[in-house]
PDB file of N, CA and C in Angstrom:
ATOM      1  N   UNK A   1      18.194 -19.970 -19.787  1.00  0.00           N
ATOM      2  CA  UNK A   1      19.566 -20.215 -19.827  1.00  0.00           C
ATOM      3  C   UNK A   1      20.379 -18.968 -19.570  1.00  0.00           C
ATOM      4  N   UNK A   2      21.358 -18.712 -19.411  1.00  0.00           N
ATOM      5  CA  UNK A   2      22.571 -17.618 -19.005  1.00  0.00           C
ATOM      6  C   UNK A   2      23.493 -17.702 -19.386  1.00  0.00           C
ATOM      7  N   UNK A   3      24.781 -16.594 -19.562  1.00  0.00           N
ATOM      8  CA  UNK A   3      25.520 -16.922 -19.697  1.00  0.00           C
ATOM      9  C   UNK A   3      26.777 -16.283 -18.327  1.00  0.00           C
ATOM     10  N   UNK A   4      27.397 -17.390 -18.015  1.00  0.00           N
ATOM     11  CA  UNK A   4      28.154 -17.159 -16.833  1.00  0.00           C
ATOM     12  C   UNK A   4      29.542 -16.128 -17.501  1.00  0.00           C
ATOM     13  N   UNK A   5      30.077 -15.260 -16.127  1.00  0.00           N
ATOM     14  CA  UNK A   5      31.284 -14.744 -16.235  1.00  0.00           C
ATOM     15  C   UNK A   5      32.758 -15.363 -17.917  1.00  0.00           C
ATOM     16  N   UNK A   6      32.493 -16.412 -17.695  1.00  0.00           N
ATOM     17  CA  UNK A   6      33.665 -17.207 -18.880  1.00  0.00           C
ATOM     18  C   UNK A   6      32.755 -16.900 -20.256  1.00  0.00           C
ATOM     19  N   UNK A   7      31.820 -16.997 -20.027  1.00  0.00           N
ATOM     20  CA  UNK A   7      31.222 -16.984 -21.336  1.00  0.00           C
ATOM     21  C   UNK A   7      30.282 -18.232 -22.170  1.00  0.00           C
ATOM     22  N   UNK A   8      30.323 -19.154 -20.855  1.00  0.00           N
ATOM     23  CA  UNK A   8      29.668 -20.243 -21.408  1.00  0.00           C
ATOM     24  C   UNK A   8      28.282 -20.499 -20.980  1.00  0.00           C
ATOM     25  N   UNK A   9      27.592 -20.963 -21.748  1.00  0.00           N
ATOM     26  CA  UNK A   9      26.280 -21.293 -21.993  1.00  0.00           C
ATOM     27  C   UNK A   9      25.513 -21.932 -20.414  1.00  0.00           C
ATOM     28  N   UNK A  10      25.170 -21.562 -19.554  1.00  0.00           N
ATOM     29  CA  UNK A  10      24.446 -22.615 -18.085  1.00  0.00           C
ATOM     30  C   UNK A  10      23.225 -22.547 -18.083  1.00  0.00           C
ATOM     31  N   UNK A  11      22.761 -23.125 -16.889  1.00  0.00           N
ATOM     32  CA  UNK A  11      21.338 -23.056 -16.998  1.00  0.00           C
ATOM     33  C   UNK A  11      21.926 -23.408 -15.075  1.00  0.00           C
ATOM     34  N   UNK A  12      20.241 -22.854 -14.427  1.00  0.00           N
ATOM     35  CA  UNK A  12      20.359 -23.259 -13.063  1.00  0.00           C
ATOM     36  C   UNK A  12      19.176 -22.331 -12.632  1.00  0.00           C
ATOM     37  N   UNK A  13      19.289 -22.314 -11.410  1.00  0.00           N
ATOM     38  CA  UNK A  13      18.341 -21.630 -10.274  1.00  0.00           C
ATOM     39  C   UNK A  13      18.784 -20.796  -8.910  1.00  0.00           C
ATOM     40  N   UNK A  14      18.686 -19.723  -8.218  1.00  0.00           N
ATOM     41  CA  UNK A  14      19.093 -19.474  -7.377  1.00  0.00           C
ATOM     42  C   UNK A  14      17.895 -19.244  -6.482  1.00  0.00           C
ATOM     43  N   UNK A  15      18.248 -19.851  -5.521  1.00  0.00           N
ATOM     44  CA  UNK A  15      17.856 -20.383  -4.143  1.00  0.00           C
ATOM     45  C   UNK A  15      18.174 -18.976  -3.299  1.00  0.00           C
ATOM     46  N   UNK A  16      16.587 -18.399  -2.888  1.00  0.00           N
ATOM     47  CA  UNK A  16      17.015 -17.711  -1.654  1.00  0.00           C
ATOM     48  C   UNK A  16      15.694 -17.935  -0.620  1.00  0.00           C
ATOM     49  N   UNK A  17      16.370 -18.122   0.894  1.00  0.00           N
ATOM     50  CA  UNK A  17      15.578 -18.279   1.675  1.00  0.00           C
ATOM     51  C   UNK A  17      15.004 -16.955   2.739  1.00  0.00           C
ATOM     52  N   UNK A  18      13.733 -16.708   2.350  1.00  0.00           N
ATOM     53  CA  UNK A  18      13.596 -15.658   2.590  1.00  0.00           C
ATOM     54  C   UNK A  18      11.771 -15.554   4.155  1.00  0.00           C
ATOM     55  N   UNK A  19      12.000 -14.972   4.201  1.00  0.00           N
ATOM     56  CA  UNK A  19      11.053 -14.499   5.731  1.00  0.00           C
ATOM     57  C   UNK A  19       9.816 -13.188   5.441  1.00  0.00           C
ATOM     58  N   UNK A  20       8.656 -13.994   5.818  1.00  0.00           N
ATOM     59  CA  UNK A  20       7.704 -12.250   5.649  1.00  0.00           C
ATOM     60  C   UNK A  20       7.956 -11.637   6.985  1.00  0.00           C
ATOM     61  N   UNK A  21       7.809 -10.746   6.333  1.00  0.00           N
ATOM     62  CA  UNK A  21       8.238  -9.707   7.350  1.00  0.00           C
ATOM     63  C   UNK A  21       6.888  -8.727   7.944  1.00  0.00           C
ATOM     64  N   UNK A  22       5.902  -8.650   6.819  1.00  0.00           N
ATOM     65  CA  UNK A  22       4.690  -7.991   6.916  1.00  0.00           C
ATOM     66  C   UNK A  22       3.855  -8.424   6.025  1.00  0.00           C
ATOM     67  N   UNK A  23       2.400  -8.152   6.418  1.00  0.00           N
ATOM     68  CA  UNK A  23       1.321  -8.595   5.281  1.00  0.00           C
ATOM     69  C   UNK A  23      -0.026  -7.313   5.711  1.00  0.00           C
ATOM     70  N   UNK A  24      -0.088  -6.508   4.522  1.00  0.00           N
ATOM     71  CA  UNK A  24      -1.065  -5.865   5.444  1.00  0.00           C
ATOM     72  C   UNK A  24      -2.010  -5.629   4.092  1.00  0.00           C
ATOM     73  N   UNK A  25      -3.365  -5.893   4.437  1.00  0.00           N
ATOM     74  CA  UNK A  25      -4.743  -5.150   3.319  1.00  0.00           C
ATOM     75  C   UNK A  25      -4.622  -3.670   3.055  1.00  0.00           C
ATOM     76  N   UNK A  26      -4.826  -4.277   1.378  1.00  0.00           N
ATOM     77  CA  UNK A  26      -4.498  -2.519   1.138  1.00  0.00           C
ATOM     78  C   UNK A  26      -6.328  -2.350  -0.108  1.00  0.00           C
ATOM     79  N   UNK A  27      -6.258  -1.438  -0.347  1.00  0.00           N
ATOM     80  CA  UNK A  27      -7.288  -1.384  -1.687  1.00  0.00           C
ATOM     81  C   UNK A  27      -7.472   0.034  -2.107  1.00  0.00           C
ATOM     82  N   UNK A  28      -7.312   0.227  -3.649  1.00  0.00           N
ATOM     83  CA  UNK A  28      -6.883   0.618  -4.503  1.00  0.00           C
ATOM     84  C   UNK A  28      -7.965   0.598  -5.491  1.00  0.00           C
ATOM     85  N   UNK A  29      -8.267   2.167  -6.551  1.00  0.00           N
ATOM     86  CA  UNK A  29      -9.092   2.132  -7.192  1.00  0.00           C
ATOM     87  C   UNK A  29      -8.524   1.129  -8.456  1.00  0.00           C
ATOM     88  N   UNK A  30      -9.694   0.310  -9.002  1.00  0.00           N
ATOM     89  CA  UNK A  30      -9.548  -0.358  -9.903  1.00  0.00           C
ATOM     90  C   UNK A  30      -8.918  -0.239 -11.442  1.00  0.00           C
ATOM     91  N   UNK A  31      -8.492  -0.201 -12.210  1.00  0.00           N
ATOM     92  CA  UNK A  31      -8.538  -0.067 -13.276  1.00  0.00           C
ATOM     93  C   UNK A  31      -7.837   1.657 -13.774  1.00  0.00           C
ATOM     94  N   UNK A  32      -6.679   1.771 -12.795  1.00  0.00           N
ATOM     95  CA  UNK A  32      -6.036   3.303 -13.275  1.00  0.00           C
ATOM     96  C   UNK A  32      -6.848   4.061 -12.233  1.00  0.00           C
ATOM     97  N   UNK A  33      -8.009   3.978 -11.670  1.00  0.00           N
ATOM     98  CA  UNK A  33      -8.360   5.021 -11.135  1.00  0.00           C
ATOM     99  C   UNK A  33      -9.259   5.747 -11.311  1.00  0.00           C
ATOM    100  N   UNK A  34     -10.387   4.926 -12.370  1.00  0.00           N
ATOM    101  CA  UNK A  34     -11.298   5.137 -13.190  1.00  0.00           C
ATOM    102  C   UNK A  34     -12.497   4.691 -11.942  1.00  0.00           C
ATOM    103  N   UNK A  35     -13.263   5.782 -11.556  1.00  0.00           N
ATOM    104  CA  UNK A  35     -14.029   5.349 -10.384  1.00  0.00           C
ATOM    105  C   UNK A  35     -15.705   4.321 -10.753  1.00  0.00           C
ATOM    106  N   UNK A  36     -15.546   4.338 -12.133  1.00  0.00           N
ATOM    107  CA  UNK A  36     -16.843   3.396 -12.307  1.00  0.00           C
ATOM    108  C   UNK A  36     -16.435   1.802 -11.841  1.00  0.00           C
ATOM    109  N   UNK A  37     -15.332   1.411 -12.144  1.00  0.00           N
ATOM    110  CA  UNK A  37     -14.250   0.594 -12.164  1.00  0.00           C
ATOM    111  C   UNK A  37     -14.429  -0.311 -10.556  1.00  0.00           C
ATOM    112  N   UNK A  38     -15.068   0.180  -9.789  1.00  0.00           N
ATOM    113  CA  UNK A  38     -14.505   0.555  -8.222  1.00  0.00           C
ATOM    114  C   UNK A  38     -13.582   0.632  -7.656  1.00  0.00           C
ATOM    115  N   UNK A  39     -13.514  -0.375  -6.219  1.00  0.00           N
ATOM    116  CA  UNK A  39     -12.413  -0.618  -5.289  1.00  0.00           C
ATOM    117  C   UNK A  39     -11.921  -2.245  -6.043  1.00  0.00           C
ATOM    118  N   UNK A  40     -10.242  -2.252  -5.157  1.00  0.00           N
ATOM    119  CA  UNK A  40      -9.588  -3.489  -5.915  1.00  0.00           C
ATOM    120  C   UNK A  40      -8.954  -4.081  -4.549  1.00  0.00           C
ATOM    121  N   UNK A  41      -9.239  -4.870  -3.430  1.00  0.00           N
ATOM    122  CA  UNK A  41      -8.748  -5.299  -2.625  1.00  0.00           C
ATOM    123  C   UNK A  41      -7.306  -6.509  -2.700  1.00  0.00           C
ATOM    124  N   UNK A  42      -6.689  -5.766  -1.942  1.00  0.00           N
ATOM    125  CA  UNK A  42      -5.506  -6.677  -2.558  1.00  0.00           C
ATOM    126  C   UNK A  42      -4.468  -7.409  -1.586  1.00  0.00           C
ATOM    127  N   UNK A  43      -3.676  -7.970  -0.732  1.00  0.00           N
ATOM    128  CA  UNK A  43      -2.649  -8.354  -0.050  1.00  0.00           C
ATOM    129  C   UNK A  43      -1.309  -7.726  -0.379  1.00  0.00           C
ATOM    130  N   UNK A  44      -0.503  -7.084   0.465  1.00  0.00           N
ATOM    131  CA  UNK A  44       0.748  -6.837   0.620  1.00  0.00           C
ATOM    132  C   UNK A  44       1.718  -7.630   1.125  1.00  0.00           C
ATOM    133  N   UNK A  45       2.939  -8.345   0.484  1.00  0.00           N
ATOM    134  CA  UNK A  45       3.153  -8.993   1.935  1.00  0.00           C
ATOM    135  C   UNK A  45       5.115  -8.511   1.631  1.00  0.00           C
ATOM    136  N   UNK A  46       5.438  -8.355   2.270  1.00  0.00           N
ATOM    137  CA  UNK A  46       7.443  -7.887   2.075  1.00  0.00           C
ATOM    138  C   UNK A  46       7.383  -9.215   2.870  1.00  0.00           C
ATOM    139  N   UNK A  47       9.044  -9.862   2.008  1.00  0.00           N
ATOM    140  CA  UNK A  47      10.286 -10.319   2.407  1.00  0.00           C
ATOM    141  C   UNK A  47      11.000 -10.237   2.574  1.00  0.00           C
ATOM    142  N   UNK A  48      11.976 -10.584   3.388  1.00  0.00           N
ATOM    143  CA  UNK A  48      13.339 -10.393   4.035  1.00  0.00           C
ATOM    144  C   UNK A  48      14.167 -11.664   3.896  1.00  0.00           C
ATOM    145  N   UNK A  49      15.183 -11.424   3.508  1.00  0.00           N
ATOM    146  CA  UNK A  49      16.344 -12.937   3.549  1.00  0.00           C
ATOM    147  C   UNK A  49      16.458 -12.983   5.257  1.00  0.00           C
ATOM    148  N   UNK A  50      16.988 -14.434   5.157  1.00  0.00           N
ATOM    149  CA  UNK A  50      16.905 -14.658   6.788  1.00  0.00           C
ATOM    150  C   UNK A  50      17.793 -14.636   8.048  1.00  0.00           C
ATOM    151  N   UNK A  51      17.780 -14.505   9.114  1.00  0.00           N
ATOM    152  CA  UNK A  51      18.671 -14.630   9.494  1.00  0.00           C
ATOM    153  C   UNK A  51      18.823 -14.561  11.017  1.00  0.00           C
ATOM    154  N   UNK A  52      19.714 -14.915  12.177  1.00  0.00           N
ATOM    155  CA  UNK A  52      19.645 -15.216  13.532  1.00  0.00           C
ATOM    156  C   UNK A  52      20.229 -17.099  13.694  1.00  0.00           C
ATOM    157  N   UNK A  53      20.324 -17.263  14.189  1.00  0.00           N
ATOM    158  CA  UNK A  53      20.815 -18.691  14.635  1.00  0.00           C
ATOM    159  C   UNK A  53      20.474 -20.136  13.886  1.00  0.00           C
ATOM    160  N   UNK A  54      21.225 -20.755  13.108  1.00  0.00           N
ATOM    161  CA  UNK A  54      20.802 -21.818  12.318  1.00  0.00           C
ATOM    162  C   UNK A  54      20.644 -21.564  10.379  1.00  0.00           C
ATOM    163  N   UNK A  55      20.656 -20.253  10.828  1.00  0.00           N
ATOM    164  CA  UNK A  55      20.726 -19.553   8.930  1.00  0.00           C
ATOM    165  C   UNK A  55      22.070 -18.855   8.814  1.00  0.00           C
ATOM    166  N   UNK A  56      22.675 -19.482   9.283  1.00  0.00           N
ATOM    167  CA  UNK A  56      24.389 -19.255   9.419  1.00  0.00           C
ATOM    168  C   UNK A  56      25.117 -19.409   7.168  1.00  0.00           C
ATOM    169  N   UNK A  57      24.326 -20.498   7.285  1.00  0.00           N
ATOM    170  CA  UNK A  57      25.175 -20.520   5.703  1.00  0.00           C
ATOM    171  C   UNK A  57      24.161 -19.845   4.551  1.00  0.00           C
ATOM    172  N   UNK A  58      22.615 -19.505   5.234  1.00  0.00           N
ATOM    173  CA  UNK A  58      22.071 -18.782   4.543  1.00  0.00           C
ATOM    174  C   UNK A  58      22.356 -17.219   3.967  1.00  0.00           C
ATOM    175  N   UNK A  59      22.741 -17.147   5.235  1.00  0.00           N
ATOM    176  CA  UNK A  59      23.200 -15.791   5.723  1.00  0.00           C
ATOM    177  C   UNK A  59      24.297 -15.240   4.552  1.00  0.00           C
ATOM    178  N   UNK A  60      25.530 -16.324   4.035  1.00  0.00           N
ATOM    179  CA  UNK A  60      26.928 -15.818   3.192  1.00  0.00           C
ATOM    180  C   UNK A  60      26.179 -15.774   1.892  1.00  0.00           C
ATOM    181  N   UNK A  61      25.178 -16.962   1.366  1.00  0.00           N
ATOM    182  CA  UNK A  61      24.817 -16.800  -0.159  1.00  0.00           C
ATOM    183  C   UNK A  61      23.295 -16.338   0.094  1.00  0.00           C
ATOM    184  N   UNK A  62      22.626 -16.473   0.116  1.00  0.00           N
ATOM    185  CA  UNK A  62      21.338 -16.048   0.413  1.00  0.00           C
ATOM    186  C   UNK A  62      21.645 -14.810  -0.343  1.00  0.00           C
ATOM    187  N   UNK A  63      20.492 -13.941  -1.733  1.00  0.00           N
ATOM    188  CA  UNK A  63      20.881 -13.175  -1.651  1.00  0.00           C
ATOM    189  C   UNK A  63      19.869 -12.052  -0.668  1.00  0.00           C
ATOM    190  N   UNK A  64      20.421 -10.768  -0.756  1.00  0.00           N
ATOM    191  CA  UNK A  64      20.098  -9.673   0.054  1.00  0.00           C
ATOM    192  C   UNK A  64      19.122  -8.811  -0.539  1.00  0.00           C
ATOM    193  N   UNK A  65      18.296  -8.045   0.098  1.00  0.00           N
ATOM    194  CA  UNK A  65      17.271  -7.325  -0.459  1.00  0.00           C
ATOM    195  C   UNK A  65      15.879  -7.641   0.186  1.00  0.00           C
ATOM    196  N   UNK A  66      15.066  -6.883  -0.248  1.00  0.00           N
ATOM    197  CA  UNK A  66      13.561  -7.067  -0.090  1.00  0.00           C
ATOM    198  C   UNK A  66      12.643  -7.464  -1.234  1.00  0.00           C
ATOM    199  N   UNK A  67      11.848  -8.278  -1.011  1.00  0.00           N
ATOM    200  CA  UNK A  67      10.683  -8.298  -2.059  1.00  0.00           C
ATOM    201  C   UNK A  67       9.406  -8.293  -1.628  1.00  0.00           C
ATOM    202  N   UNK A  68       8.784  -6.984  -2.187  1.00  0.00           N
ATOM    203  CA  UNK A  68       7.380  -6.837  -1.751  1.00  0.00           C
ATOM    204  C   UNK A  68       6.693  -7.494  -3.107  1.00  0.00           C
ATOM    205  N   UNK A  69       5.423  -8.054  -2.450  1.00  0.00           N
ATOM    206  CA  UNK A  69       4.401  -8.799  -3.642  1.00  0.00           C
ATOM    207  C   UNK A  69       2.942  -8.364  -3.700  1.00  0.00           C
ATOM    208  N   UNK A  70       2.303  -7.821  -3.766  1.00  0.00           N
ATOM    209  CA  UNK A  70       0.813  -7.547  -4.357  1.00  0.00           C
ATOM    210  C   UNK A  70      -0.147  -8.300  -4.776  1.00  0.00           C
ATOM    211  N   UNK A  71      -0.930  -9.052  -4.338  1.00  0.00           N
ATOM    212  CA  UNK A  71      -1.415 -10.058  -4.701  1.00  0.00           C
ATOM    213  C   UNK A  71      -3.285 -10.180  -4.665  1.00  0.00           C
ATOM    214  N   UNK A  72      -3.934 -10.264  -5.583  1.00  0.00           N
ATOM    215  CA  UNK A  72      -4.808  -9.720  -5.862  1.00  0.00           C
ATOM    216  C   UNK A  72      -6.000 -10.945  -5.853  1.00  0.00           C
ATOM    217  N   UNK A  73      -5.827 -11.895  -5.288  1.00  0.00           N
ATOM    218  CA  UNK A  73      -6.474 -13.498  -5.571  1.00  0.00           C
ATOM    219  C   UNK A  73      -6.895 -13.809  -3.725  1.00  0.00           C
ATOM    220  N   UNK A  74      -8.011 -13.091  -4.021  1.00  0.00           N
ATOM    221  CA  UNK A  74      -9.388 -12.953  -2.594  1.00  0.00           C
ATOM    222  C   UNK A  74      -8.959 -14.691  -2.062  1.00  0.00           C
ATOM    223  N   UNK A  75      -9.179 -15.477  -2.553  1.00  0.00           N
ATOM    224  CA  UNK A  75      -8.923 -17.126  -2.312  1.00  0.00           C
ATOM    225  C   UNK A  75      -7.548 -16.997  -1.655  1.00  0.00           C
ATOM    226  N   UNK A  76      -6.011 -16.496  -1.878  1.00  0.00           N
ATOM    227  CA  UNK A  76      -5.151 -16.483  -1.216  1.00  0.00           C
ATOM    228  C   UNK A  76      -5.371 -15.438  -0.015  1.00  0.00           C
ATOM    229  N   UNK A  77      -5.962 -14.808   0.409  1.00  0.00           N
ATOM    230  CA  UNK A  77      -5.833 -14.219   1.091  1.00  0.00           C
ATOM    231  C   UNK A  77      -5.602 -14.915   2.773  1.00  0.00           C
ATOM    232  N   UNK A  78      -6.320 -15.745   2.906  1.00  0.00           N
ATOM    233  CA  UNK A  78      -6.040 -16.805   4.338  1.00  0.00           C
ATOM    234  C   UNK A  78      -5.163 -17.299   4.312  1.00  0.00           C
ATOM    235  N   UNK A  79      -4.115 -17.428   3.009  1.00  0.00           N
ATOM    236  CA  UNK A  79      -2.928 -18.325   3.468  1.00  0.00           C
ATOM    237  C   UNK A  79      -1.945 -17.145   3.667  1.00  0.00           C
ATOM    238  N   UNK A  80      -2.621 -16.231   2.869  1.00  0.00           N
ATOM    239  CA  UNK A  80      -1.020 -14.889   3.187  1.00  0.00           C
ATOM    240  C   UNK A  80      -1.527 -14.006   5.004  1.00  0.00           C
ATOM    241  N   UNK A  81      -2.464 -13.973   5.278  1.00  0.00           N
ATOM    242  CA  UNK A  81      -2.486 -13.487   6.443  1.00  0.00           C
ATOM    243  C   UNK A  81      -1.405 -14.628   7.473  1.00  0.00           C
ATOM    244  N   UNK A  82      -1.647 -15.782   7.437  1.00  0.00           N
ATOM    245  CA  UNK A  82      -0.983 -16.485   8.369  1.00  0.00           C
ATOM    246  C   UNK A  82       0.881 -16.431   7.726  1.00  0.00           C
ATOM    247  N   UNK A  83       1.073 -16.015   6.957  1.00  0.00           N
ATOM    248  CA  UNK A  83       2.217 -15.911   6.562  1.00  0.00           C
ATOM    249  C   UNK A  83       3.433 -15.025   7.345  1.00  0.00           C
ATOM    250  N   UNK A  84       3.420 -13.767   8.352  1.00  0.00           N
ATOM    251  CA  UNK A  84       4.222 -13.345   8.571  1.00  0.00           C
ATOM    252  C   UNK A  84       4.841 -13.768   9.936  1.00  0.00           C
ATOM    253  N   UNK A  85       6.143 -13.983  10.087  1.00  0.00           N
ATOM    254  CA  UNK A  85       7.558 -14.539  10.706  1.00  0.00           C
ATOM    255  C   UNK A  85       7.967 -15.799   9.979  1.00  0.00           C
ATOM    256  N   UNK A  86       7.333 -16.118   9.079  1.00  0.00           N
ATOM    257  CA  UNK A  86       7.215 -18.129   8.289  1.00  0.00           C
ATOM    258  C   UNK A  86       8.380 -17.433   7.231  1.00  0.00           C
ATOM    259  N   UNK A  87       9.007 -18.473   7.463  1.00  0.00           N
ATOM    260  CA  UNK A  87      10.056 -18.686   5.791  1.00  0.00           C
ATOM    261  C   UNK A  87       9.703 -19.318   4.697  1.00  0.00           C
ATOM    262  N   UNK A  88      10.178 -18.912   3.955  1.00  0.00           N
ATOM    263  CA  UNK A  88      10.095 -19.323   2.260  1.00  0.00           C
ATOM    264  C   UNK A  88      10.915 -19.775   1.456  1.00  0.00           C
ATOM    265  N   UNK A  89      11.502 -20.497   1.100  1.00  0.00           N
ATOM    266  CA  UNK A  89      12.471 -20.733  -0.563  1.00  0.00           C
ATOM    267  C   UNK A  89      11.564 -20.261  -1.649  1.00  0.00           C
ATOM    268  N   UNK A  90      12.589 -19.149  -2.150  1.00  0.00           N
ATOM    269  CA  UNK A  90      12.614 -18.430  -3.249  1.00  0.00           C
ATOM    270  C   UNK A  90      13.007 -18.933  -4.404  1.00  0.00           C
ATOM    271  N   UNK A  91      12.523 -19.381  -5.506  1.00  0.00           N
ATOM    272  CA  UNK A  91      13.326 -19.868  -6.220  1.00  0.00           C
ATOM    273  C   UNK A  91      13.118 -19.120  -7.642  1.00  0.00           C
ATOM    274  N   UNK A  92      14.594 -18.974  -8.356  1.00  0.00           N
ATOM    275  CA  UNK A  92      14.733 -17.961  -8.965  1.00  0.00           C
ATOM    276  C   UNK A  92      15.421 -18.223 -10.417  1.00  0.00           C
ATOM    277  N   UNK A  93      14.313 -18.787 -11.078  1.00  0.00           N
ATOM    278  CA  UNK A  93      14.807 -19.575 -12.509  1.00  0.00           C
ATOM    279  C   UNK A  93      14.133 -18.653 -13.902  1.00  0.00           C
ATOM    280  N   UNK A  94      15.718 -18.577 -14.755  1.00  0.00           N
ATOM    281  CA  UNK A  94      15.782 -18.263 -15.905  1.00  0.00           C
ATOM    282  C   UNK A  94      13.984 -18.610 -16.324  1.00  0.00           C
ATOM    283  N   UNK A  95      13.349 -17.826 -17.282  1.00  0.00           N
ATOM    284  CA  UNK A  95      12.321 -18.205 -18.494  1.00  0.00           C
ATOM    285  C   UNK A  95      13.069 -18.569 -19.627  1.00  0.00           C
ATOM    286  N   UNK A  96      12.981 -19.806 -20.524  1.00  0.00           N
ATOM    287  CA  UNK A  96      13.113 -19.432 -21.918  1.00  0.00           C
ATOM    288  C   UNK A  96      12.944 -18.781 -22.607  1.00  0.00           C
ATOM    289  N   UNK A  97      13.923 -18.759 -23.250  1.00  0.00           N
ATOM    290  CA  UNK A  97      13.299 -17.365 -24.506  1.00  0.00           C
ATOM    291  C   UNK A  97      12.662 -17.942 -25.427  1.00  0.00           C
ATOM    292  N   UNK A  98      12.396 -18.860 -25.070  1.00  0.00           N
ATOM    293  CA  UNK A  98      10.985 -19.753 -26.426  1.00  0.00           C
ATOM    294  C   UNK A  98       9.790 -19.658 -25.875  1.00  0.00           C
ATOM    295  N   UNK A  99       9.676 -20.039 -24.550  1.00  0.00           N
ATOM    296  CA  UNK A  99       8.154 -19.630 -23.684  1.00  0.00           C
ATOM    297  C   UNK A  99       7.512 -18.812 -24.210  1.00  0.00           C
ATOM    298  N   UNK A 100       5.927 -19.128 -24.368  1.00  0.00           N
ATOM    299  CA  UNK A 100       4.972 -17.936 -24.778  1.00  0.00           C
ATOM    300  C   UNK A 100       5.056 -17.313 -23.613  1.00  0.00           C
ATOM    301  N   UNK A 101       4.103 -16.056 -24.197  1.00  0.00           N
ATOM    302  CA  UNK A 101       3.933 -15.491 -22.662  1.00  0.00           C
ATOM    303  C   UNK A 101       2.870 -15.170 -22.907  1.00  0.00           C
TER     304      UNK A 101
END
């Protein structure tokens, strides 16, 4: 739930159509750099709004920008490795204030 410009309470979802531009494997120190915790392998993927023929309507209304995600779940790596160049819908939905953490 959010408040629109007229002050009304409304609920909704914003949908973006994004294309994965790049995926790369990265390694970083676990637990904020404590050597005894070892190295974490993760995948970074970067998404951009779609463009080009067939996406004219999305170009008018899709939020602009860049989305960078870092995924540590090694089980998802094979899926992520196949993402470059593919398009996805990204739904942005407000979390209800009463939702537990």
